[in-house]
Amino acid sequence: ASAVHLGARHPLRPNEGEGVVLRIGSR
């Protein structure tokens, strides 16, 4: 999911990334 979609703020510089939240799993 996007960090902005989860409630984070947009970066001050438009050329910077918004941020990504992810999980990786295994048994």
PDB file of all heavy atoms in Angstrom:
ATOM      1  N   ALA A   1       0.853  -1.195   0.000  1.00  0.00           N
ATOM      2  CA  ALA A   1       0.000   0.000   0.000  1.00  0.00           C
ATOM      3  C   ALA A   1       0.878   1.229   0.000  1.00  0.00           C
ATOM      4  O   ALA A   1       2.055   1.201   0.399  1.00  0.00           O
ATOM      5  CB  ALA A   1      -0.933   0.014   1.211  1.00  0.00           C
ATOM      6  N   SER A   2       0.319   2.327  -0.458  1.00  0.00           N
ATOM      7  CA  SER A   2       1.015   3.601  -0.437  1.00  0.00           C
ATOM      8  C   SER A   2       0.961   4.200   0.972  1.00  0.00           C
ATOM      9  O   SER A   2      -0.039   4.076   1.691  1.00  0.00           O
ATOM     10  CB  SER A   2       0.377   4.585  -1.428  1.00  0.00           C
ATOM     11  OG  SER A   2       0.922   5.876  -1.292  1.00  0.00           O
ATOM     12  N   ALA A   3       2.063   4.836   1.379  1.00  0.00           N
ATOM     13  CA  ALA A   3       2.094   5.455   2.705  1.00  0.00           C
ATOM     14  C   ALA A   3       1.089   6.601   2.804  1.00  0.00           C
ATOM     15  O   ALA A   3       0.492   6.832   3.867  1.00  0.00           O
ATOM     16  CB  ALA A   3       3.503   5.968   3.011  1.00  0.00           C
ATOM     17  N   VAL A   4       0.873   7.315   1.701  1.00  0.00           N
ATOM     18  CA  VAL A   4      -0.124   8.387   1.706  1.00  0.00           C
ATOM     19  C   VAL A   4      -1.522   7.811   1.851  1.00  0.00           C
ATOM     20  O   VAL A   4      -2.392   8.386   2.530  1.00  0.00           O
ATOM     21  CB  VAL A   4       0.009   9.229   0.425  1.00  0.00           C
ATOM     22  CG1 VAL A   4      -1.082  10.280   0.340  1.00  0.00           C
ATOM     23  CG2 VAL A   4       1.378   9.889   0.375  1.00  0.00           C
ATOM     24  N   HIS A   5      -1.755   6.662   1.234  1.00  0.00           N
ATOM     25  CA  HIS A   5      -3.059   6.019   1.352  1.00  0.00           C
ATOM     26  C   HIS A   5      -3.340   5.578   2.784  1.00  0.00           C
ATOM     27  O   HIS A   5      -4.495   5.559   3.223  1.00  0.00           O
ATOM     28  CB  HIS A   5      -3.117   4.814   0.410  1.00  0.00           C
ATOM     29  CG  HIS A   5      -4.401   4.051   0.477  1.00  0.00           C
ATOM     30  ND1 HIS A   5      -5.584   4.542  -0.021  1.00  0.00           N
ATOM     31  CD2 HIS A   5      -4.697   2.833   1.011  1.00  0.00           C
ATOM     32  CE1 HIS A   5      -6.549   3.668   0.189  1.00  0.00           C
ATOM     33  NE2 HIS A   5      -6.034   2.622   0.813  1.00  0.00           N
ATOM     34  N   LEU A   6      -2.304   5.278   3.545  1.00  0.00           N
ATOM     35  CA  LEU A   6      -2.476   4.871   4.942  1.00  0.00           C
ATOM     36  C   LEU A   6      -2.478   6.043   5.908  1.00  0.00           C
ATOM     37  O   LEU A   6      -2.612   5.828   7.109  1.00  0.00           O
ATOM     38  CB  LEU A   6      -1.360   3.897   5.334  1.00  0.00           C
ATOM     39  CG  LEU A   6      -1.333   2.571   4.571  1.00  0.00           C
ATOM     40  CD1 LEU A   6      -0.164   1.725   5.026  1.00  0.00           C
ATOM     41  CD2 LEU A   6      -2.642   1.830   4.747  1.00  0.00           C
ATOM     42  N   GLY A   7      -2.334   7.267   5.406  1.00  0.00           N
ATOM     43  CA  GLY A   7      -2.440   8.433   6.271  1.00  0.00           C
ATOM     44  C   GLY A   7      -1.201   9.284   6.373  1.00  0.00           C
ATOM     45  O   GLY A   7      -1.209  10.282   7.086  1.00  0.00           O
ATOM     46  N   ALA A   8      -0.112   8.932   5.695  1.00  0.00           N
ATOM     47  CA  ALA A   8       1.097   9.746   5.760  1.00  0.00           C
ATOM     48  C   ALA A   8       0.943  11.009   4.914  1.00  0.00           C
ATOM     49  O   ALA A   8       0.044  11.124   4.071  1.00  0.00           O
ATOM     50  CB  ALA A   8       2.307   8.934   5.282  1.00  0.00           C
ATOM     51  N   ARG A   9       1.820  11.960   5.154  1.00  0.00           N
ATOM     52  CA  ARG A   9       1.778  13.216   4.418  1.00  0.00           C
ATOM     53  C   ARG A   9       2.537  13.108   3.101  1.00  0.00           C
ATOM     54  O   ARG A   9       3.469  12.310   2.964  1.00  0.00           O
ATOM     55  CB  ARG A   9       2.405  14.332   5.266  1.00  0.00           C
ATOM     56  CG  ARG A   9       1.670  14.615   6.555  1.00  0.00           C
ATOM     57  CD  ARG A   9       2.333  15.726   7.330  1.00  0.00           C
ATOM     58  NE  ARG A   9       2.358  16.954   6.568  1.00  0.00           N
ATOM     59  CZ  ARG A   9       2.906  18.089   6.990  1.00  0.00           C
ATOM     60  NH1 ARG A   9       3.508  18.124   8.171  1.00  0.00           N
ATOM     61  NH2 ARG A   9       2.884  19.174   6.242  1.00  0.00           N
ATOM     62  N   HIS A  10       2.128  13.927   2.148  1.00  0.00           N
ATOM     63  CA  HIS A  10       2.856  13.992   0.883  1.00  0.00           C
ATOM     64  C   HIS A  10       4.227  14.620   1.112  1.00  0.00           C
ATOM     65  O   HIS A  10       4.389  15.479   1.988  1.00  0.00           O
ATOM     66  CB  HIS A  10       2.071  14.816  -0.133  1.00  0.00           C
ATOM     67  CG  HIS A  10       0.869  14.120  -0.680  1.00  0.00           C
ATOM     68  ND1 HIS A  10       0.925  13.266  -1.756  1.00  0.00           N
ATOM     69  CD2 HIS A  10      -0.431  14.139  -0.285  1.00  0.00           C
ATOM     70  CE1 HIS A  10      -0.282  12.806  -2.021  1.00  0.00           C
ATOM     71  NE2 HIS A  10      -1.130  13.316  -1.130  1.00  0.00           N
ATOM     72  N   PRO A  11       5.219  14.231   0.358  1.00  0.00           N
ATOM     73  CA  PRO A  11       6.553  14.829   0.533  1.00  0.00           C
ATOM     74  C   PRO A  11       6.542  16.297   0.136  1.00  0.00           C
ATOM     75  O   PRO A  11       5.738  16.738  -0.705  1.00  0.00           O
ATOM     76  CB  PRO A  11       7.443  13.984  -0.394  1.00  0.00           C
ATOM     77  CG  PRO A  11       6.507  13.412  -1.405  1.00  0.00           C
ATOM     78  CD  PRO A  11       5.197  13.193  -0.691  1.00  0.00           C
ATOM     79  N   LEU A  12       7.455  17.061   0.736  1.00  0.00           N
ATOM     80  CA  LEU A  12       7.537  18.479   0.428  1.00  0.00           C
ATOM     81  C   LEU A  12       8.031  18.712  -0.995  1.00  0.00           C
ATOM     82  O   LEU A  12       7.599  19.658  -1.656  1.00  0.00           O
ATOM     83  CB  LEU A  12       8.466  19.175   1.423  1.00  0.00           C
ATOM     84  CG  LEU A  12       8.007  19.142   2.891  1.00  0.00           C
ATOM     85  CD1 LEU A  12       9.033  19.817   3.775  1.00  0.00           C
ATOM     86  CD2 LEU A  12       6.656  19.819   3.045  1.00  0.00           C
ATOM     87  N   ARG A  13       8.895  17.854  -1.472  1.00  0.00           N
ATOM     88  CA  ARG A  13       9.396  17.969  -2.836  1.00  0.00           C
ATOM     89  C   ARG A  13       8.641  17.012  -3.737  1.00  0.00           C
ATOM     90  O   ARG A  13       8.554  15.819  -3.454  1.00  0.00           O
ATOM     91  CB  ARG A  13      10.893  17.655  -2.878  1.00  0.00           C
ATOM     92  CG  ARG A  13      11.734  18.604  -2.036  1.00  0.00           C
ATOM     93  CD  ARG A  13      13.199  18.202  -2.066  1.00  0.00           C
ATOM     94  NE  ARG A  13      14.014  19.091  -1.238  1.00  0.00           N
ATOM     95  CZ  ARG A  13      15.318  18.950  -1.054  1.00  0.00           C
ATOM     96  NH1 ARG A  13      15.958  17.930  -1.646  1.00  0.00           N
ATOM     97  NH2 ARG A  13      15.968  19.797  -0.282  1.00  0.00           N
ATOM     98  N   PRO A  14       8.074  17.500  -4.837  1.00  0.00           N
ATOM     99  CA  PRO A  14       7.276  16.609  -5.699  1.00  0.00           C
ATOM    100  C   PRO A  14       8.082  15.489  -6.334  1.00  0.00           C
ATOM    101  O   PRO A  14       7.528  14.447  -6.680  1.00  0.00           O
ATOM    102  CB  PRO A  14       6.718  17.567  -6.771  1.00  0.00           C
ATOM    103  CG  PRO A  14       6.810  18.921  -6.169  1.00  0.00           C
ATOM    104  CD  PRO A  14       8.004  18.898  -5.284  1.00  0.00           C
ATOM    105  N   ASN A  15       9.391  15.685  -6.501  1.00  0.00           N
ATOM    106  CA  ASN A  15      10.190  14.643  -7.149  1.00  0.00           C
ATOM    107  C   ASN A  15      10.560  13.511  -6.200  1.00  0.00           C
ATOM    108  O   ASN A  15      11.154  12.513  -6.621  1.00  0.00           O
ATOM    109  CB  ASN A  15      11.462  15.253  -7.746  1.00  0.00           C
ATOM    110  CG  ASN A  15      12.281  15.998  -6.700  1.00  0.00           C
ATOM    111  OD1 ASN A  15      11.818  16.227  -5.590  1.00  0.00           O
ATOM    112  ND2 ASN A  15      13.487  16.390  -7.066  1.00  0.00           N
ATOM    113  N   GLU A  16      10.253  13.628  -4.916  1.00  0.00           N
ATOM    114  CA  GLU A  16      10.535  12.562  -3.972  1.00  0.00           C
ATOM    115  C   GLU A  16       9.375  11.560  -3.941  1.00  0.00           C
ATOM    116  O   GLU A  16       8.233  11.888  -4.251  1.00  0.00           O
ATOM    117  CB  GLU A  16      10.745  13.135  -2.571  1.00  0.00           C
ATOM    118  CG  GLU A  16      11.994  14.005  -2.449  1.00  0.00           C
ATOM    119  CD  GLU A  16      12.185  14.514  -1.037  1.00  0.00           C
ATOM    120  OE1 GLU A  16      11.257  14.304  -0.208  1.00  0.00           O
ATOM    121  OE2 GLU A  16      13.233  15.119  -0.758  1.00  0.00           O
ATOM    122  N   GLY A  17       9.689  10.341  -3.536  1.00  0.00           N
ATOM    123  CA  GLY A  17       8.673   9.300  -3.477  1.00  0.00           C
ATOM    124  C   GLY A  17       7.709   9.503  -2.315  1.00  0.00           C
ATOM    125  O   GLY A  17       8.053  10.080  -1.272  1.00  0.00           O
ATOM    126  N   GLU A  18       6.496   9.026  -2.509  1.00  0.00           N
ATOM    127  CA  GLU A  18       5.479   9.139  -1.456  1.00  0.00           C
ATOM    128  C   GLU A  18       5.710   8.147  -0.319  1.00  0.00           C
ATOM    129  O   GLU A  18       5.275   8.388   0.803  1.00  0.00           O
ATOM    130  CB  GLU A  18       4.092   8.907  -2.055  1.00  0.00           C
ATOM    131  CG  GLU A  18       3.671   9.948  -3.070  1.00  0.00           C
ATOM    132  CD  GLU A  18       2.293   9.660  -3.627  1.00  0.00           C
ATOM    133  OE1 GLU A  18       1.752   8.568  -3.297  1.00  0.00           O
ATOM    134  OE2 GLU A  18       1.766  10.498  -4.374  1.00  0.00           O
ATOM    135  N   GLY A  19       6.378   7.066  -0.604  1.00  0.00           N
ATOM    136  CA  GLY A  19       6.589   6.033   0.404  1.00  0.00           C
ATOM    137  C   GLY A  19       5.707   4.828   0.175  1.00  0.00           C
ATOM    138  O   GLY A  19       4.558   4.948  -0.263  1.00  0.00           O
ATOM    139  N   VAL A  20       6.246   3.670   0.471  1.00  0.00           N
ATOM    140  CA  VAL A  20       5.535   2.399   0.279  1.00  0.00           C
ATOM    141  C   VAL A  20       5.619   1.603   1.578  1.00  0.00           C
ATOM    142  O   VAL A  20       6.687   1.509   2.194  1.00  0.00           O
ATOM    143  CB  VAL A  20       6.149   1.583  -0.879  1.00  0.00           C
ATOM    144  CG1 VAL A  20       5.390   0.279  -1.075  1.00  0.00           C
ATOM    145  CG2 VAL A  20       6.144   2.394  -2.149  1.00  0.00           C
ATOM    146  N   VAL A  21       4.498   1.043   1.986  1.00  0.00           N
ATOM    147  CA  VAL A  21       4.435   0.137   3.140  1.00  0.00           C
ATOM    148  C   VAL A  21       4.140  -1.257   2.607  1.00  0.00           C
ATOM    149  O   VAL A  21       3.151  -1.450   1.880  1.00  0.00           O
ATOM    150  CB  VAL A  21       3.361   0.577   4.141  1.00  0.00           C
ATOM    151  CG1 VAL A  21       3.288  -0.402   5.300  1.00  0.00           C
ATOM    152  CG2 VAL A  21       3.647   1.981   4.651  1.00  0.00           C
ATOM    153  N   LEU A  22       4.973  -2.204   2.931  1.00  0.00           N
ATOM    154  CA  LEU A  22       4.765  -3.575   2.459  1.00  0.00           C
ATOM    155  C   LEU A  22       5.190  -4.557   3.536  1.00  0.00           C
ATOM    156  O   LEU A  22       5.919  -4.199   4.478  1.00  0.00           O
ATOM    157  CB  LEU A  22       5.547  -3.836   1.171  1.00  0.00           C
ATOM    158  CG  LEU A  22       7.079  -3.975   1.261  1.00  0.00           C
ATOM    159  CD1 LEU A  22       7.572  -4.764   0.064  1.00  0.00           C
ATOM    160  CD2 LEU A  22       7.747  -2.629   1.299  1.00  0.00           C
ATOM    161  N   ARG A  23       4.694  -5.762   3.356  1.00  0.00           N
ATOM    162  CA  ARG A  23       5.061  -6.872   4.237  1.00  0.00           C
ATOM    163  C   ARG A  23       5.486  -8.058   3.383  1.00  0.00           C
ATOM    164  O   ARG A  23       4.882  -8.331   2.332  1.00  0.00           O
ATOM    165  CB  ARG A  23       3.888  -7.283   5.117  1.00  0.00           C
ATOM    166  CG  ARG A  23       3.570  -6.291   6.217  1.00  0.00           C
ATOM    167  CD  ARG A  23       2.462  -6.820   7.089  1.00  0.00           C
ATOM    168  NE  ARG A  23       2.142  -5.900   8.172  1.00  0.00           N
ATOM    169  CZ  ARG A  23       1.226  -6.149   9.098  1.00  0.00           C
ATOM    170  NH1 ARG A  23       0.553  -7.282   9.061  1.00  0.00           N
ATOM    171  NH2 ARG A  23       1.002  -5.270  10.047  1.00  0.00           N
ATOM    172  N   ILE A  24       6.506  -8.722   3.868  1.00  0.00           N
ATOM    173  CA  ILE A  24       6.951  -9.954   3.235  1.00  0.00           C
ATOM    174  C   ILE A  24       6.840 -11.069   4.275  1.00  0.00           C
ATOM    175  O   ILE A  24       7.184 -10.875   5.453  1.00  0.00           O
ATOM    176  CB  ILE A  24       8.394  -9.818   2.707  1.00  0.00           C
ATOM    177  CG1 ILE A  24       9.336  -9.353   3.809  1.00  0.00           C
ATOM    178  CG2 ILE A  24       8.443  -8.852   1.530  1.00  0.00           C
ATOM    179  CD1 ILE A  24      10.782  -9.260   3.361  1.00  0.00           C
ATOM    180  N   GLY A  25       6.331 -12.213   3.847  1.00  0.00           N
ATOM    181  CA  GLY A  25       6.070 -13.296   4.781  1.00  0.00           C
ATOM    182  C   GLY A  25       6.606 -14.633   4.320  1.00  0.00           C
ATOM    183  O   GLY A  25       6.887 -14.844   3.131  1.00  0.00           O
ATOM    184  N   SER A  26       6.707 -15.514   5.290  1.00  0.00           N
ATOM    185  CA  SER A  26       7.194 -16.872   5.019  1.00  0.00           C
ATOM    186  C   SER A  26       6.753 -17.768   6.167  1.00  0.00           C
ATOM    187  O   SER A  26       6.363 -17.298   7.245  1.00  0.00           O
ATOM    188  CB  SER A  26       8.718 -16.881   4.877  1.00  0.00           C
ATOM    189  OG  SER A  26       9.195 -18.199   4.756  1.00  0.00           O
ATOM    190  N   ARG A  27       6.831 -19.068   5.924  1.00  0.00           N
ATOM    191  CA  ARG A  27       6.509 -20.028   6.968  1.00  0.00           C
ATOM    192  C   ARG A  27       7.681 -20.264   7.920  1.00  0.00           C
ATOM    193  O   ARG A  27       7.516 -20.835   8.994  1.00  0.00           O
ATOM    194  CB  ARG A  27       6.097 -21.362   6.336  1.00  0.00           C
ATOM    195  CG  ARG A  27       4.814 -21.279   5.525  1.00  0.00           C
ATOM    196  CD  ARG A  27       4.478 -22.629   4.905  1.00  0.00           C
ATOM    197  NE  ARG A  27       4.316 -23.658   5.929  1.00  0.00           N
ATOM    198  CZ  ARG A  27       3.167 -23.931   6.561  1.00  0.00           C
ATOM    199  NH1 ARG A  27       2.069 -23.228   6.247  1.00  0.00           N
ATOM    200  NH2 ARG A  27       3.097 -24.887   7.458  1.00  0.00           N
TER     201      ARG A  27
END
